[in-house]
Amino acid sequence: MNSLNIRKGDTVLVLSGKDKGRQGKVLSTLPRDGKVIVEGVNIVTRHTKPRRQTDPGGIIKKESPLYACKVMHICPKCKKPTRTAHALNLDGTKDRVCKHCGDTI
């Protein structure tokens, strides 16, 4: 299983593809596939049938997963896209750290 440097709730910048330059919040991660689902990015159209009477049918637009290597984390403090470094704390736990400002993410 692959581990991702990006987690649910992080703000990311899309580096390539049709949504290049757009920012969004990570809704979920798929570490086994190496993909993430970002809010408002990589929107696809699905023609769905209602499964129950209460479910909506028709044409539904939703976010599709995109590869985690195509997004870059945005530091909440300095607001710059950054690669994440890992710092070891005194108690043995690891923190994600911004490469630009050195703040804990």
Protein backbone atom coordinates (compact mmCIF):
# COMPACT_ATOMS: atom_id res chain seq x y z
CA MET A 1 0.00 0.00 0.00
CA ASN A 2 1.34 3.44 -0.94
CA SER A 3 1.42 6.31 1.49
CA LEU A 4 0.50 9.80 0.36
CA ASN A 5 1.92 13.10 1.60
CA ILE A 6 -1.52 14.63 1.03
CA ARG A 7 -4.33 14.08 3.50
CA LYS A 8 -8.06 14.74 3.66
CA GLY A 9 -8.77 18.42 4.36
CA ASP A 10 -5.51 19.76 2.84
CA THR A 11 -5.64 22.59 0.32
CA VAL A 12 -3.87 21.67 -2.91
CA LEU A 13 -2.92 23.24 -6.26
CA VAL A 14 -3.41 21.26 -9.48
CA LEU A 15 -0.14 21.13 -11.46
CA SER A 16 -1.26 19.68 -14.79
CA GLY A 17 -4.28 18.69 -16.83
CA LYS A 18 -7.46 20.49 -17.77
CA ASP A 19 -7.76 22.09 -14.31
CA LYS A 20 -4.14 23.31 -14.10
CA GLY A 21 -3.73 26.21 -11.66
CA ARG A 22 -6.96 25.57 -9.75
CA GLN A 23 -7.02 25.17 -5.98
CA GLY A 24 -9.31 23.03 -3.90
CA LYS A 25 -9.76 21.08 -0.69
CA VAL A 26 -9.05 17.35 -0.64
CA LEU A 27 -12.32 15.50 -0.03
CA SER A 28 -10.82 12.00 0.16
CA THR A 29 -7.68 10.06 -0.63
CA LEU A 30 -7.26 6.70 -2.33
CA PRO A 31 -3.78 5.57 -1.21
CA ARG A 32 -4.01 2.16 -2.88
CA ASP A 33 -4.45 3.84 -6.28
CA GLY A 34 -2.27 6.88 -5.48
CA LYS A 35 -5.17 9.24 -6.18
CA VAL A 36 -7.04 12.06 -4.46
CA ILE A 37 -10.48 13.62 -4.93
CA VAL A 38 -10.34 17.43 -4.88
CA GLU A 39 -13.39 19.65 -4.40
CA GLY A 40 -14.46 21.37 -7.65
CA VAL A 41 -11.64 19.84 -9.73
CA ASN A 42 -11.80 17.17 -12.46
CA ILE A 43 -15.59 17.35 -12.78
CA VAL A 44 -17.13 14.55 -14.85
CA THR A 45 -20.68 13.98 -16.04
CA ARG A 46 -22.46 10.76 -15.11
CA HIS A 47 -25.77 9.57 -16.53
CA THR A 48 -27.35 7.76 -13.59
CA LYS A 49 -30.55 5.85 -13.04
CA PRO A 50 -32.39 6.34 -9.79
CA ARG A 51 -31.82 3.23 -7.64
CA ARG A 52 -34.61 4.08 -5.17
CA GLN A 53 -37.62 6.33 -5.48
CA THR A 54 -35.92 9.02 -3.40
CA ASP A 55 -32.66 9.00 -5.41
CA PRO A 56 -32.23 11.57 -8.16
CA GLY A 57 -31.68 10.32 -11.67
CA GLY A 58 -30.43 12.03 -14.79
CA ILE A 59 -27.20 13.84 -15.57
CA ILE A 60 -25.11 14.36 -12.42
CA LYS A 61 -21.78 16.22 -12.26
CA LYS A 62 -19.28 14.98 -9.69
CA GLU A 63 -15.58 15.04 -8.84
CA SER A 64 -13.42 12.27 -10.22
CA PRO A 65 -10.11 11.10 -8.70
CA LEU A 66 -6.83 12.43 -10.06
CA TYR A 67 -3.28 11.27 -9.39
CA ALA A 68 -1.71 12.64 -6.22
CA CYS A 69 1.51 13.43 -8.12
CA LYS A 70 -0.43 16.03 -10.14
CA VAL A 71 -1.27 18.13 -7.06
CA MET A 72 0.94 20.11 -4.69
CA HIS A 73 0.18 20.98 -1.09
CA ILE A 74 -0.42 24.66 -0.22
CA CYS A 75 0.99 25.83 3.12
CA PRO A 76 -1.75 27.36 5.32
CA LYS A 77 0.69 29.92 6.77
CA CYS A 78 2.69 31.26 3.80
CA LYS A 79 0.04 30.36 1.15
CA LYS A 80 2.70 28.97 -1.23
CA PRO A 81 2.63 25.61 -3.01
CA THR A 82 5.25 23.51 -1.31
CA ARG A 83 6.68 20.03 -1.03
CA THR A 84 6.28 18.61 2.42
CA ALA A 85 9.25 17.71 4.56
CA HIS A 86 9.03 15.45 7.60
CA ALA A 87 10.46 16.52 10.96
CA LEU A 88 11.04 14.15 13.85
CA ASN A 89 9.78 15.40 17.23
CA LEU A 90 11.42 14.70 20.59
CA ASP A 91 8.74 12.15 21.49
CA GLY A 92 9.40 10.19 18.29
CA THR A 93 6.38 11.34 16.23
CA LYS A 94 6.70 12.85 12.76
CA ASP A 95 5.22 16.16 11.59
CA ARG A 96 4.76 17.50 8.08
CA VAL A 97 6.71 20.74 7.62
CA CYS A 98 6.59 23.45 4.93
CA LYS A 99 9.84 23.71 2.95
CA HIS A 100 9.42 27.51 2.53
CA CYS A 101 8.54 28.83 5.99
CA GLY A 102 9.34 25.80 8.18
CA ASP A 103 5.91 25.85 9.84
CA THR A 104 4.16 22.62 10.85
CA ILE A 105 1.33 21.68 8.52
